[in-house]
PDB file of N, CA and C in Angstrom:
ATOM      1  N   VAL A   1      -4.798   0.985  -2.805  1.00  0.00           N
ATOM      2  CA  VAL A   1      -5.189   2.054  -1.908  1.00  0.00           C
ATOM      3  C   VAL A   1      -6.368   1.557  -1.078  1.00  0.00           C
ATOM      4  N   LEU A   2      -6.264   1.782   0.219  1.00  0.00           N
ATOM      5  CA  LEU A   2      -7.340   1.449   1.146  1.00  0.00           C
ATOM      6  C   LEU A   2      -7.552   2.663   2.034  1.00  0.00           C
ATOM      7  N   VAL A   3      -8.797   3.103   2.163  1.00  0.00           N
ATOM      8  CA  VAL A   3      -9.139   4.213   3.052  1.00  0.00           C
ATOM      9  C   VAL A   3     -10.178   3.714   4.045  1.00  0.00           C
ATOM     10  N   VAL A   4      -9.898   3.929   5.330  1.00  0.00           N
ATOM     11  CA  VAL A   4     -10.791   3.491   6.395  1.00  0.00           C
ATOM     12  C   VAL A   4     -11.161   4.686   7.245  1.00  0.00           C
ATOM     13  N   GLU A   5     -12.453   4.832   7.519  1.00  0.00           N
ATOM     14  CA  GLU A   5     -12.873   5.812   8.517  1.00  0.00           C
ATOM     15  C   GLU A   5     -13.091   5.022   9.805  1.00  0.00           C
ATOM     16  N   ALA A   6     -12.167   5.182  10.729  1.00  0.00           N
ATOM     17  CA  ALA A   6     -12.215   4.445  11.986  1.00  0.00           C
ATOM     18  C   ALA A   6     -13.260   5.054  12.915  1.00  0.00           C
ATOM     19  N   ALA A   7     -13.722   4.262  13.848  1.00  0.00           N
ATOM     20  CA  ALA A   7     -14.599   4.793  14.889  1.00  0.00           C
ATOM     21  C   ALA A   7     -13.827   5.875  15.638  1.00  0.00           C
ATOM     22  N   SER A   8     -14.538   6.812  16.179  1.00  0.00           N
ATOM     23  CA  SER A   8     -13.912   7.927  16.880  1.00  0.00           C
ATOM     24  C   SER A   8     -12.890   7.426  17.907  1.00  0.00           C
ATOM     25  N   GLY A   9     -11.667   7.933  17.782  1.00  0.00           N
ATOM     26  CA  GLY A   9     -10.612   7.568  18.717  1.00  0.00           C
ATOM     27  C   GLY A   9      -9.950   6.227  18.455  1.00  0.00           C
ATOM     28  N   LYS A  10     -10.303   5.559  17.374  1.00  0.00           N
ATOM     29  CA  LYS A  10      -9.773   4.217  17.104  1.00  0.00           C
ATOM     30  C   LYS A  10      -8.808   4.182  15.918  1.00  0.00           C
ATOM     31  N   ALA A  11      -8.408   5.326  15.383  1.00  0.00           N
ATOM     32  CA  ALA A  11      -7.520   5.352  14.217  1.00  0.00           C
ATOM     33  C   ALA A  11      -6.201   4.639  14.507  1.00  0.00           C
ATOM     34  N   GLN A  12      -5.649   4.824  15.687  1.00  0.00           N
ATOM     35  CA  GLN A  12      -4.368   4.180  16.008  1.00  0.00           C
ATOM     36  C   GLN A  12      -4.499   2.662  16.007  1.00  0.00           C
ATOM     37  N   ASP A  13      -5.645   2.138  16.416  1.00  0.00           N
ATOM     38  CA  ASP A  13      -5.860   0.688  16.362  1.00  0.00           C
ATOM     39  C   ASP A  13      -5.816   0.197  14.918  1.00  0.00           C
ATOM     40  N   VAL A  14      -6.411   0.973  14.007  1.00  0.00           N
ATOM     41  CA  VAL A  14      -6.404   0.614  12.585  1.00  0.00           C
ATOM     42  C   VAL A  14      -4.976   0.698  12.041  1.00  0.00           C
ATOM     43  N   VAL A  15      -4.254   1.748  12.410  1.00  0.00           N
ATOM     44  CA  VAL A  15      -2.859   1.892  11.975  1.00  0.00           C
ATOM     45  C   VAL A  15      -2.043   0.677  12.422  1.00  0.00           C
ATOM     46  N   THR A  16      -2.198   0.292  13.661  1.00  0.00           N
ATOM     47  CA  THR A  16      -1.462  -0.855  14.196  1.00  0.00           C
ATOM     48  C   THR A  16      -1.780  -2.116  13.405  1.00  0.00           C
ATOM     49  N   ALA A  17      -3.047  -2.336  13.114  1.00  0.00           N
ATOM     50  CA  ALA A  17      -3.447  -3.517  12.349  1.00  0.00           C
ATOM     51  C   ALA A  17      -2.889  -3.478  10.927  1.00  0.00           C
ATOM     52  N   LEU A  18      -2.924  -2.310  10.289  1.00  0.00           N
ATOM     53  CA  LEU A  18      -2.415  -2.205   8.924  1.00  0.00           C
ATOM     54  C   LEU A  18      -0.892  -2.323   8.872  1.00  0.00           C
ATOM     55  N   GLU A  19      -0.207  -1.787   9.851  1.00  0.00           N
ATOM     56  CA  GLU A  19       1.252  -1.947   9.903  1.00  0.00           C
ATOM     57  C   GLU A  19       1.611  -3.419  10.093  1.00  0.00           C
ATOM     58  N   SER A  20       0.845  -4.123  10.911  1.00  0.00           N
ATOM     59  CA  SER A  20       1.066  -5.558  11.104  1.00  0.00           C
ATOM     60  C   SER A  20       0.809  -6.306   9.796  1.00  0.00           C
ATOM     61  N   TYR A  21      -0.265  -5.955   9.106  1.00  0.00           N
ATOM     62  CA  TYR A  21      -0.574  -6.556   7.807  1.00  0.00           C
ATOM     63  C   TYR A  21       0.578  -6.312   6.828  1.00  0.00           C
ATOM     64  N   LYS A  22       1.062  -5.080   6.807  1.00  0.00           N
ATOM     65  CA  LYS A  22       2.164  -4.717   5.907  1.00  0.00           C
ATOM     66  C   LYS A  22       3.390  -5.583   6.196  1.00  0.00           C
ATOM     67  N   GLN A  23       3.757  -5.733   7.456  1.00  0.00           N
ATOM     68  CA  GLN A  23       4.919  -6.542   7.823  1.00  0.00           C
ATOM     69  C   GLN A  23       4.715  -8.020   7.482  1.00  0.00           C
ATOM     70  N   ASP A  24       3.491  -8.516   7.657  1.00  0.00           N
ATOM     71  CA  ASP A  24       3.185  -9.899   7.283  1.00  0.00           C
ATOM     72  C   ASP A  24       3.375 -10.103   5.782  1.00  0.00           C
ATOM     73  N   GLN A  25       2.950  -9.112   4.987  1.00  0.00           N
ATOM     74  CA  GLN A  25       3.100  -9.211   3.537  1.00  0.00           C
ATOM     75  C   GLN A  25       4.568  -9.158   3.122  1.00  0.00           C
ATOM     76  N   VAL A  26       5.350  -8.308   3.778  1.00  0.00           N
ATOM     77  CA  VAL A  26       6.789  -8.239   3.497  1.00  0.00           C
ATOM     78  C   VAL A  26       7.419  -9.612   3.778  1.00  0.00           C
ATOM     79  N   ALA A  27       7.069 -10.210   4.889  1.00  0.00           N
ATOM     80  CA  ALA A  27       7.612 -11.527   5.241  1.00  0.00           C
ATOM     81  C   ALA A  27       7.186 -12.576   4.215  1.00  0.00           C
ATOM     82  N   PHE A  28       5.927 -12.533   3.800  1.00  0.00           N
ATOM     83  CA  PHE A  28       5.438 -13.494   2.809  1.00  0.00           C
ATOM     84  C   PHE A  28       6.203 -13.360   1.501  1.00  0.00           C
ATOM     85  N   TYR A  29       6.271 -12.142   0.975  1.00  0.00           N
ATOM     86  CA  TYR A  29       6.961 -11.923  -0.291  1.00  0.00           C
ATOM     87  C   TYR A  29       8.446 -12.252  -0.182  1.00  0.00           C
ATOM     88  N   GLY A  30       9.011 -12.089   0.992  1.00  0.00           N
ATOM     89  CA  GLY A  30      10.423 -12.398   1.201  1.00  0.00           C
ATOM     90  C   GLY A  30      10.753 -13.874   1.061  1.00  0.00           C
ATOM     91  N   ASN A  31       9.733 -14.719   1.118  1.00  0.00           N
ATOM     92  CA  ASN A  31       9.941 -16.161   0.971  1.00  0.00           C
ATOM     93  C   ASN A  31      10.122 -16.604  -0.472  1.00  0.00           C
ATOM     94  N   TYR A  32       9.872 -15.707  -1.409  1.00  0.00           N
ATOM     95  CA  TYR A  32       9.885 -16.078  -2.820  1.00  0.00           C
ATOM     96  C   TYR A  32      10.697 -15.071  -3.620  1.00  0.00           C
ATOM     97  N   ALA A  33      11.796 -15.520  -4.181  1.00  0.00           N
ATOM     98  CA  ALA A  33      12.671 -14.627  -4.959  1.00  0.00           C
ATOM     99  C   ALA A  33      11.931 -13.983  -6.122  1.00  0.00           C
ATOM    100  N   GLU A  34      10.994 -14.706  -6.712  1.00  0.00           N
ATOM    101  CA  GLU A  34      10.271 -14.168  -7.870  1.00  0.00           C
ATOM    102  C   GLU A  34       9.316 -13.027  -7.495  1.00  0.00           C
ATOM    103  N   PHE A  35       9.110 -12.802  -6.209  1.00  0.00           N
ATOM    104  CA  PHE A  35       8.231 -11.719  -5.758  1.00  0.00           C
ATOM    105  C   PHE A  35       9.018 -10.540  -5.181  1.00  0.00           C
ATOM    106  N   ALA A  36      10.277 -10.425  -5.532  1.00  0.00           N
ATOM    107  CA  ALA A  36      11.120  -9.355  -4.981  1.00  0.00           C
ATOM    108  C   ALA A  36      10.539  -7.977  -5.271  1.00  0.00           C
ATOM    109  N   ASP A  37       9.988  -7.769  -6.477  1.00  0.00           N
ATOM    110  CA  ASP A  37       9.389  -6.471  -6.805  1.00  0.00           C
ATOM    111  C   ASP A  37       8.184  -6.188  -5.915  1.00  0.00           C
ATOM    112  N   GLY A  38       7.358  -7.215  -5.705  1.00  0.00           N
ATOM    113  CA  GLY A  38       6.194  -7.054  -4.834  1.00  0.00           C
ATOM    114  C   GLY A  38       6.606  -6.740  -3.408  1.00  0.00           C
ATOM    115  N   GLN A  39       7.663  -7.384  -2.944  1.00  0.00           N
ATOM    116  CA  GLN A  39       8.146  -7.125  -1.592  1.00  0.00           C
ATOM    117  C   GLN A  39       8.604  -5.676  -1.474  1.00  0.00           C
ATOM    118  N   ALA A  40       9.302  -5.172  -2.469  1.00  0.00           N
ATOM    119  CA  ALA A  40       9.768  -3.782  -2.440  1.00  0.00           C
ATOM    120  C   ALA A  40       8.588  -2.816  -2.412  1.00  0.00           C
ATOM    121  N   GLN A  41       7.533  -3.122  -3.170  1.00  0.00           N
ATOM    122  CA  GLN A  41       6.348  -2.265  -3.174  1.00  0.00           C
ATOM    123  C   GLN A  41       5.714  -2.204  -1.794  1.00  0.00           C
ATOM    124  N   ILE A  42       5.616  -3.340  -1.152  1.00  0.00           N
ATOM    125  CA  ILE A  42       5.010  -3.394   0.181  1.00  0.00           C
ATOM    126  C   ILE A  42       5.879  -2.645   1.193  1.00  0.00           C
ATOM    127  N   GLU A  43       7.191  -2.871   1.146  1.00  0.00           N
ATOM    128  CA  GLU A  43       8.092  -2.213   2.092  1.00  0.00           C
ATOM    129  C   GLU A  43       8.013  -0.694   1.996  1.00  0.00           C
ATOM    130  N   GLU A  44       7.838  -0.176   0.784  1.00  0.00           N
ATOM    131  CA  GLU A  44       7.791   1.271   0.582  1.00  0.00           C
ATOM    132  C   GLU A  44       6.398   1.853   0.778  1.00  0.00           C
ATOM    133  N   GLY A  45       5.433   1.013   1.041  1.00  0.00           N
ATOM    134  CA  GLY A  45       4.056   1.463   1.223  1.00  0.00           C
ATOM    135  C   GLY A  45       3.905   2.433   2.380  1.00  0.00           C
ATOM    136  N   ARG A  46       2.776   3.085   2.419  1.00  0.00           N
ATOM    137  CA  ARG A  46       2.496   4.097   3.433  1.00  0.00           C
ATOM    138  C   ARG A  46       1.213   3.777   4.190  1.00  0.00           C
ATOM    139  N   VAL A  47       1.242   4.032   5.486  1.00  0.00           N
ATOM    140  CA  VAL A  47       0.036   4.053   6.309  1.00  0.00           C
ATOM    141  C   VAL A  47      -0.017   5.469   6.870  1.00  0.00           C
ATOM    142  N   VAL A  48      -1.041   6.215   6.472  1.00  0.00           N
ATOM    143  CA  VAL A  48      -1.144   7.634   6.811  1.00  0.00           C
ATOM    144  C   VAL A  48      -2.462   7.872   7.540  1.00  0.00           C
ATOM    145  N   THR A  49      -2.437   8.742   8.553  1.00  0.00           N
ATOM    146  CA  THR A  49      -3.665   9.079   9.271  1.00  0.00           C
ATOM    147  C   THR A  49      -3.963  10.564   9.172  1.00  0.00           C
ATOM    148  N   SER A  50      -5.233  10.854   9.245  1.00  0.00           N
ATOM    149  CA  SER A  50      -5.725  12.224   9.353  1.00  0.00           C
ATOM    150  C   SER A  50      -7.028  12.141  10.131  1.00  0.00           C
ATOM    151  N   GLY A  51      -6.985  12.547  11.378  1.00  0.00           N
ATOM    152  CA  GLY A  51      -8.172  12.419  12.222  1.00  0.00           C
ATOM    153  C   GLY A  51      -8.534  10.958  12.377  1.00  0.00           C
ATOM    154  N   ASP A  52      -9.778  10.614  12.029  1.00  0.00           N
ATOM    155  CA  ASP A  52     -10.238   9.237  12.129  1.00  0.00           C
ATOM    156  C   ASP A  52     -10.040   8.462  10.832  1.00  0.00           C
ATOM    157  N   TYR A  53      -9.433   9.085   9.830  1.00  0.00           N
ATOM    158  CA  TYR A  53      -9.187   8.409   8.552  1.00  0.00           C
ATOM    159  C   TYR A  53      -7.786   7.808   8.529  1.00  0.00           C
ATOM    160  N   VAL A  54      -7.711   6.594   7.995  1.00  0.00           N
ATOM    161  CA  VAL A  54      -6.435   5.894   7.846  1.00  0.00           C
ATOM    162  C   VAL A  54      -6.345   5.439   6.394  1.00  0.00           C
ATOM    163  N   VAL A  55      -5.194   5.693   5.777  1.00  0.00           N
ATOM    164  CA  VAL A  55      -4.996   5.341   4.375  1.00  0.00           C
ATOM    165  C   VAL A  55      -3.793   4.408   4.272  1.00  0.00           C
ATOM    166  N   LEU A  56      -3.966   3.333   3.512  1.00  0.00           N
ATOM    167  CA  LEU A  56      -2.894   2.398   3.199  1.00  0.00           C
ATOM    168  C   LEU A  56      -2.663   2.490   1.696  1.00  0.00           C
ATOM    169  N   VAL A  57      -1.401   2.736   1.286  1.00  0.00           N
ATOM    170  CA  VAL A  57      -1.071   2.882  -0.130  1.00  0.00           C
ATOM    171  C   VAL A  57       0.152   2.044  -0.458  1.00  0.00           C
ATOM    172  N   PHE A  58       0.026   1.253  -1.512  1.00  0.00           N
ATOM    173  CA  PHE A  58       1.151   0.557  -2.117  1.00  0.00           C
ATOM    174  C   PHE A  58       1.211   1.019  -3.562  1.00  0.00           C
ATOM    175  N   ALA A  59       2.403   1.400  -4.028  1.00  0.00           N
ATOM    176  CA  ALA A  59       2.552   1.876  -5.404  1.00  0.00           C
ATOM    177  C   ALA A  59       3.654   1.096  -6.096  1.00  0.00           C
ATOM    178  N   ASN A  60       3.593   1.098  -7.403  1.00  0.00           N
ATOM    179  CA  ASN A  60       4.656   0.502  -8.200  1.00  0.00           C
ATOM    180  C   ASN A  60       5.943   1.239  -7.867  1.00  0.00           C
ATOM    181  N   THR A  61       6.965   0.525  -7.433  1.00  0.00           N
ATOM    182  CA  THR A  61       8.194   1.182  -6.987  1.00  0.00           C
ATOM    183  C   THR A  61       9.007   1.776  -8.123  1.00  0.00           C
ATOM    184  N   GLU A  62       8.794   1.308  -9.329  1.00  0.00           N
ATOM    185  CA  GLU A  62       9.528   1.867 -10.460  1.00  0.00           C
ATOM    186  C   GLU A  62       8.951   3.235 -10.783  1.00  0.00           C
ATOM    187  N   GLY A  63       9.660   4.262 -10.377  1.00  0.00           N
ATOM    188  CA  GLY A  63       9.210   5.615 -10.669  1.00  0.00           C
ATOM    189  C   GLY A  63       8.160   6.150  -9.704  1.00  0.00           C
ATOM    190  N   ALA A  64       7.851   5.407  -8.654  1.00  0.00           N
ATOM    191  CA  ALA A  64       6.867   5.887  -7.685  1.00  0.00           C
ATOM    192  C   ALA A  64       7.431   7.099  -6.962  1.00  0.00           C
ATOM    193  N   ASP A  65       6.628   8.111  -6.841  1.00  0.00           N
ATOM    194  CA  ASP A  65       7.021   9.316  -6.120  1.00  0.00           C
ATOM    195  C   ASP A  65       6.094   9.440  -4.925  1.00  0.00           C
ATOM    196  N   TYR A  66       6.520   8.877  -3.817  1.00  0.00           N
ATOM    197  CA  TYR A  66       5.661   8.921  -2.637  1.00  0.00           C
ATOM    198  C   TYR A  66       5.461  10.341  -2.132  1.00  0.00           C
ATOM    199  N   GLY A  67       6.346  11.252  -2.475  1.00  0.00           N
ATOM    200  CA  GLY A  67       6.129  12.652  -2.118  1.00  0.00           C
ATOM    201  C   GLY A  67       4.842  13.160  -2.733  1.00  0.00           C
ATOM    202  N   GLU A  68       4.631  12.840  -4.007  1.00  0.00           N
ATOM    203  CA  GLU A  68       3.394  13.241  -4.687  1.00  0.00           C
ATOM    204  C   GLU A  68       2.193  12.480  -4.144  1.00  0.00           C
ATOM    205  N   ILE A  69       2.384  11.210  -3.846  1.00  0.00           N
ATOM    206  CA  ILE A  69       1.301  10.410  -3.275  1.00  0.00           C
ATOM    207  C   ILE A  69       0.912  10.957  -1.907  1.00  0.00           C
ATOM    208  N   ASP A  70       1.907  11.276  -1.089  1.00  0.00           N
ATOM    209  CA  ASP A  70       1.625  11.844   0.231  1.00  0.00           C
ATOM    210  C   ASP A  70       0.877  13.174   0.109  1.00  0.00           C
ATOM    211  N   LYS A  71       1.250  14.011  -0.843  1.00  0.00           N
ATOM    212  CA  LYS A  71       0.543  15.280  -1.075  1.00  0.00           C
ATOM    213  C   LYS A  71      -0.908  15.035  -1.475  1.00  0.00           C
ATOM    214  N   ALA A  72      -1.129  14.048  -2.345  1.00  0.00           N
ATOM    215  CA  ALA A  72      -2.491  13.738  -2.789  1.00  0.00           C
ATOM    216  C   ALA A  72      -3.351  13.241  -1.626  1.00  0.00           C
ATOM    217  N   ILE A  73      -2.777  12.400  -0.778  1.00  0.00           N
ATOM    218  CA  ILE A  73      -3.505  11.912   0.387  1.00  0.00           C
ATOM    219  C   ILE A  73      -3.844  13.074   1.309  1.00  0.00           C
ATOM    220  N   ASP A  74      -2.852  13.904   1.591  1.00  0.00           N
ATOM    221  CA  ASP A  74      -3.059  15.064   2.458  1.00  0.00           C
ATOM    222  C   ASP A  74      -4.146  15.971   1.903  1.00  0.00           C
ATOM    223  N   SER A  75      -4.098  16.219   0.606  1.00  0.00           N
ATOM    224  CA  SER A  75      -5.087  17.082  -0.031  1.00  0.00           C
ATOM    225  C   SER A  75      -6.488  16.477   0.051  1.00  0.00           C
ATOM    226  N   ALA A  76      -6.587  15.175  -0.139  1.00  0.00           N
ATOM    227  CA  ALA A  76      -7.893  14.511  -0.104  1.00  0.00           C
ATOM    228  C   ALA A  76      -8.499  14.488   1.302  1.00  0.00           C
ATOM    229  N   LEU A  77      -7.639  14.392   2.319  1.00  0.00           N
ATOM    230  CA  LEU A  77      -8.140  14.245   3.682  1.00  0.00           C
ATOM    231  C   LEU A  77      -8.286  15.566   4.423  1.00  0.00           C
ATOM    232  N   ASN A  78      -7.704  16.625   3.893  1.00  0.00           N
ATOM    233  CA  ASN A  78      -7.758  17.908   4.612  1.00  0.00           C
ATOM    234  C   ASN A  78      -8.492  18.956   3.857  1.00  0.00           C
TER     235      ASN A  78
END
């Protein structure tokens, strides 16, 4: 979990950077069969914004309920 409070009006820049980071990690993990679980975790990760806050979440994909994770993020930021 990573939470960033971006400078006013800069949240989208942070989202763009984190989405790029996420895609780079997916590509990296895709190079190694032994990291298939890690790749799945990254692919299912979330980048969520609320105002100037940006949250990056990666969870264990086995039994991960991103619906509950999304609710927790929403509750924490609102």
